[in-house]
Structures are given as C-alpha cells and as structure tokens.
PDB file of N, CA and C in Angstrom:
ATOM      1  N   MET A   1      23.734 -65.622  -3.532  1.00  0.00           N
ATOM      2  CA  MET A   1      23.193 -66.423  -4.710  1.00  0.00           C
ATOM      3  C   MET A   1      21.709 -66.627  -4.601  1.00  0.00           C
ATOM      4  N   LEU A   2      21.278 -67.098  -3.542  1.00  0.00           N
ATOM      5  CA  LEU A   2      19.880 -67.458  -3.422  1.00  0.00           C
ATOM      6  C   LEU A   2      19.038 -66.300  -3.495  1.00  0.00           C
ATOM      7  N   TYR A   3      19.328 -65.063  -3.051  1.00  0.00           N
ATOM      8  CA  TYR A   3      18.706 -63.788  -3.102  1.00  0.00           C
ATOM      9  C   TYR A   3      18.586 -63.403  -4.491  1.00  0.00           C
ATOM     10  N   MET A   4      19.563 -63.541  -5.358  1.00  0.00           N
ATOM     11  CA  MET A   4      19.661 -63.142  -6.651  1.00  0.00           C
ATOM     12  C   MET A   4      18.551 -64.152  -7.506  1.00  0.00           C
ATOM     13  N   ALA A   5      18.540 -65.248  -7.273  1.00  0.00           N
ATOM     14  CA  ALA A   5      17.620 -66.219  -7.995  1.00  0.00           C
ATOM     15  C   ALA A   5      16.191 -65.899  -7.524  1.00  0.00           C
ATOM     16  N   THR A   6      15.990 -65.651  -6.335  1.00  0.00           N
ATOM     17  CA  THR A   6      14.603 -65.424  -5.886  1.00  0.00           C
ATOM     18  C   THR A   6      14.114 -64.081  -6.399  1.00  0.00           C
ATOM     19  N   GLU A   7      14.980 -63.025  -6.567  1.00  0.00           N
ATOM     20  CA  GLU A   7      14.724 -61.702  -7.218  1.00  0.00           C
ATOM     21  C   GLU A   7      14.143 -61.919  -8.661  1.00  0.00           C
ATOM     22  N   LYS A   8      14.979 -62.981  -9.465  1.00  0.00           N
ATOM     23  CA  LYS A   8      14.722 -63.125 -10.744  1.00  0.00           C
ATOM     24  C   LYS A   8      13.350 -63.859 -10.994  1.00  0.00           C
ATOM     25  N   ALA A   9      13.137 -64.663 -10.116  1.00  0.00           N
ATOM     26  CA  ALA A   9      11.723 -65.512 -10.047  1.00  0.00           C
ATOM     27  C   ALA A   9      10.590 -64.685  -9.680  1.00  0.00           C
ATOM     28  N   LEU A  10      10.761 -63.670  -8.987  1.00  0.00           N
ATOM     29  CA  LEU A  10       9.568 -62.865  -8.506  1.00  0.00           C
ATOM     30  C   LEU A  10       9.200 -61.836  -9.660  1.00  0.00           C
ATOM     31  N   SER A  11       7.887 -61.512  -9.716  1.00  0.00           N
ATOM     32  CA  SER A  11       7.582 -60.559 -10.644  1.00  0.00           C
ATOM     33  C   SER A  11       7.741 -59.068 -10.074  1.00  0.00           C
ATOM     34  N   LYS A  12       7.534 -58.247 -10.788  1.00  0.00           N
ATOM     35  CA  LYS A  12       7.966 -56.833 -10.449  1.00  0.00           C
ATOM     36  C   LYS A  12       7.057 -56.424  -9.086  1.00  0.00           C
ATOM     37  N   LYS A  13       5.915 -56.697  -9.108  1.00  0.00           N
ATOM     38  CA  LYS A  13       4.858 -56.519  -8.014  1.00  0.00           C
ATOM     39  C   LYS A  13       5.207 -57.288  -6.709  1.00  0.00           C
ATOM     40  N   GLU A  14       5.462 -58.461  -6.994  1.00  0.00           N
ATOM     41  CA  GLU A  14       5.918 -59.387  -5.736  1.00  0.00           C
ATOM     42  C   GLU A  14       7.161 -58.878  -5.264  1.00  0.00           C
ATOM     43  N   ARG A  15       8.166 -58.452  -6.238  1.00  0.00           N
ATOM     44  CA  ARG A  15       9.364 -58.125  -5.583  1.00  0.00           C
ATOM     45  C   ARG A  15       9.336 -56.846  -4.768  1.00  0.00           C
ATOM     46  N   ASN A  16       8.534 -55.948  -5.207  1.00  0.00           N
ATOM     47  CA  ASN A  16       8.135 -54.640  -4.355  1.00  0.00           C
ATOM     48  C   ASN A  16       7.611 -55.047  -3.000  1.00  0.00           C
ATOM     49  N   SER A  17       6.658 -55.943  -3.076  1.00  0.00           N
ATOM     50  CA  SER A  17       6.289 -56.314  -1.624  1.00  0.00           C
ATOM     51  C   SER A  17       7.085 -57.045  -0.797  1.00  0.00           C
ATOM     52  N   TYR A  18       7.985 -57.808  -1.543  1.00  0.00           N
ATOM     53  CA  TYR A  18       9.090 -58.521  -0.913  1.00  0.00           C
ATOM     54  C   TYR A  18      10.064 -57.801  -0.277  1.00  0.00           C
ATOM     55  N   ASN A  19      10.406 -56.614  -1.068  1.00  0.00           N
ATOM     56  CA  ASN A  19      11.482 -55.597  -0.461  1.00  0.00           C
ATOM     57  C   ASN A  19      10.818 -55.008   0.673  1.00  0.00           C
ATOM     58  N   PHE A  20       9.404 -54.570   0.564  1.00  0.00           N
ATOM     59  CA  PHE A  20       8.661 -53.746   1.459  1.00  0.00           C
ATOM     60  C   PHE A  20       8.830 -54.642   2.955  1.00  0.00           C
ATOM     61  N   LEU A  21       8.588 -55.923   2.880  1.00  0.00           N
ATOM     62  CA  LEU A  21       8.718 -56.804   4.049  1.00  0.00           C
ATOM     63  C   LEU A  21       9.952 -56.745   4.687  1.00  0.00           C
ATOM     64  N   ILE A  22      10.934 -56.819   3.915  1.00  0.00           N
ATOM     65  CA  ILE A  22      12.458 -56.836   4.345  1.00  0.00           C
ATOM     66  C   ILE A  22      12.488 -55.481   4.955  1.00  0.00           C
ATOM     67  N   ILE A  23      12.171 -54.362   4.379  1.00  0.00           N
ATOM     68  CA  ILE A  23      12.252 -53.086   4.964  1.00  0.00           C
ATOM     69  C   ILE A  23      11.738 -52.908   6.476  1.00  0.00           C
ATOM     70  N   ILE A  24      10.415 -53.548   6.447  1.00  0.00           N
ATOM     71  CA  ILE A  24       9.731 -53.377   7.850  1.00  0.00           C
ATOM     72  C   ILE A  24      10.467 -54.287   8.715  1.00  0.00           C
ATOM     73  N   PHE A  25      11.018 -55.498   8.284  1.00  0.00           N
ATOM     74  CA  PHE A  25      11.711 -56.411   9.313  1.00  0.00           C
ATOM     75  C   PHE A  25      12.914 -55.723   9.913  1.00  0.00           C
ATOM     76  N   TYR A  26      13.704 -55.044   8.976  1.00  0.00           N
ATOM     77  CA  TYR A  26      14.871 -54.450   9.428  1.00  0.00           C
ATOM     78  C   TYR A  26      14.694 -53.266  10.240  1.00  0.00           C
ATOM     79  N   ARG A  27      13.506 -52.417   9.909  1.00  0.00           N
ATOM     80  CA  ARG A  27      13.256 -51.286  10.732  1.00  0.00           C
ATOM     81  C   ARG A  27      12.812 -51.656  12.116  1.00  0.00           C
ATOM     82  N   ASN A  28      12.066 -52.771  12.177  1.00  0.00           N
ATOM     83  CA  ASN A  28      11.722 -53.161  13.660  1.00  0.00           C
ATOM     84  C   ASN A  28      12.866 -53.803  14.331  1.00  0.00           C
ATOM     85  N   LYS A  29      13.678 -54.479  13.619  1.00  0.00           N
ATOM     86  CA  LYS A  29      15.009 -55.054  14.185  1.00  0.00           C
ATOM     87  C   LYS A  29      15.791 -53.772  14.728  1.00  0.00           C
ATOM     88  N   ILE A  30      15.999 -52.770  13.973  1.00  0.00           N
ATOM     89  CA  ILE A  30      16.773 -51.561  14.317  1.00  0.00           C
ATOM     90  C   ILE A  30      16.152 -50.822  15.571  1.00  0.00           C
ATOM     91  N   LYS A  31      14.701 -50.735  15.437  1.00  0.00           N
ATOM     92  CA  LYS A  31      14.067 -50.204  16.623  1.00  0.00           C
ATOM     93  C   LYS A  31      14.109 -50.885  17.974  1.00  0.00           C
ATOM     94  N   ASN A  32      14.215 -52.273  17.767  1.00  0.00           N
ATOM     95  CA  ASN A  32      14.501 -53.054  18.972  1.00  0.00           C
ATOM     96  C   ASN A  32      15.909 -52.942  19.552  1.00  0.00           C
ATOM     97  N   ILE A  33      16.873 -52.898  18.638  1.00  0.00           N
ATOM     98  CA  ILE A  33      18.133 -52.610  19.068  1.00  0.00           C
ATOM     99  C   ILE A  33      18.370 -51.265  19.662  1.00  0.00           C
ATOM    100  N   LEU A  34      17.752 -50.360  19.312  1.00  0.00           N
ATOM    101  CA  LEU A  34      17.740 -48.915  19.843  1.00  0.00           C
ATOM    102  C   LEU A  34      17.081 -48.968  21.105  1.00  0.00           C
ATOM    103  N   THR A  35      15.995 -49.654  21.431  1.00  0.00           N
ATOM    104  CA  THR A  35      15.385 -49.623  22.573  1.00  0.00           C
ATOM    105  C   THR A  35      16.028 -50.482  23.660  1.00  0.00           C
ATOM    106  N   ASN A  36      16.744 -51.535  23.202  1.00  0.00           N
ATOM    107  CA  ASN A  36      17.414 -52.465  24.052  1.00  0.00           C
ATOM    108  C   ASN A  36      18.905 -51.888  24.368  1.00  0.00           C
ATOM    109  N   THR A  37      19.512 -50.785  23.729  1.00  0.00           N
ATOM    110  CA  THR A  37      20.719 -50.283  23.924  1.00  0.00           C
ATOM    111  C   THR A  37      20.929 -49.822  25.449  1.00  0.00           C
ATOM    112  N   ASP A  38      19.820 -49.208  25.884  1.00  0.00           N
ATOM    113  CA  ASP A  38      20.042 -48.873  27.339  1.00  0.00           C
ATOM    114  C   ASP A  38      20.092 -50.055  28.463  1.00  0.00           C
ATOM    115  N   LYS A  39      19.500 -51.069  28.095  1.00  0.00           N
ATOM    116  CA  LYS A  39      19.584 -52.361  28.991  1.00  0.00           C
ATOM    117  C   LYS A  39      20.860 -53.036  28.698  1.00  0.00           C
ATOM    118  N   LYS A  40      21.416 -53.252  27.422  1.00  0.00           N
ATOM    119  CA  LYS A  40      22.554 -54.150  27.119  1.00  0.00           C
ATOM    120  C   LYS A  40      23.624 -53.258  26.758  1.00  0.00           C
ATOM    121  N   CYS A  41      24.848 -53.811  26.928  1.00  0.00           N
ATOM    122  CA  CYS A  41      25.975 -52.978  26.480  1.00  0.00           C
ATOM    123  C   CYS A  41      26.412 -53.396  25.072  1.00  0.00           C
ATOM    124  N   ASN A  42      26.479 -54.854  24.989  1.00  0.00           N
ATOM    125  CA  ASN A  42      26.722 -55.366  23.710  1.00  0.00           C
ATOM    126  C   ASN A  42      25.660 -55.675  22.693  1.00  0.00           C
ATOM    127  N   ILE A  43      25.738 -55.128  21.501  1.00  0.00           N
ATOM    128  CA  ILE A  43      24.610 -55.372  20.558  1.00  0.00           C
ATOM    129  C   ILE A  43      25.035 -56.262  19.600  1.00  0.00           C
ATOM    130  N   SER A  44      24.114 -57.403  19.443  1.00  0.00           N
ATOM    131  CA  SER A  44      24.312 -58.335  18.244  1.00  0.00           C
ATOM    132  C   SER A  44      23.192 -58.209  17.398  1.00  0.00           C
ATOM    133  N   ILE A  45      23.606 -58.115  15.973  1.00  0.00           N
ATOM    134  CA  ILE A  45      22.616 -57.959  14.872  1.00  0.00           C
ATOM    135  C   ILE A  45      22.381 -59.342  14.345  1.00  0.00           C
TER     136      ILE A  45
END
C-alpha cells in the first residue's frame, strides 16, 4: 500500500530514479549474497 501511494506521488522522472536506486540496492544485495555463499551455508534475504 505504501509503495503504491509513493509511486503515485512521484513524478515520472523521480519514479525512474527511485526504481533505479532500488535496482542498484538489490543488485548489491544479490552480489553480497553470492560472495557470502562460500562462507555461510544458510542465506537470509
């Protein structure tokens, strides 16, 4: 619900940059998970 409201509030340009930040964040998170896979057995997202 909060995400939908936020998306409506943002303009198209702001929304694009917002999505871009989310993509970067998750890409880094996935990269960290992949690099930590060798060290840890259980992965928590």
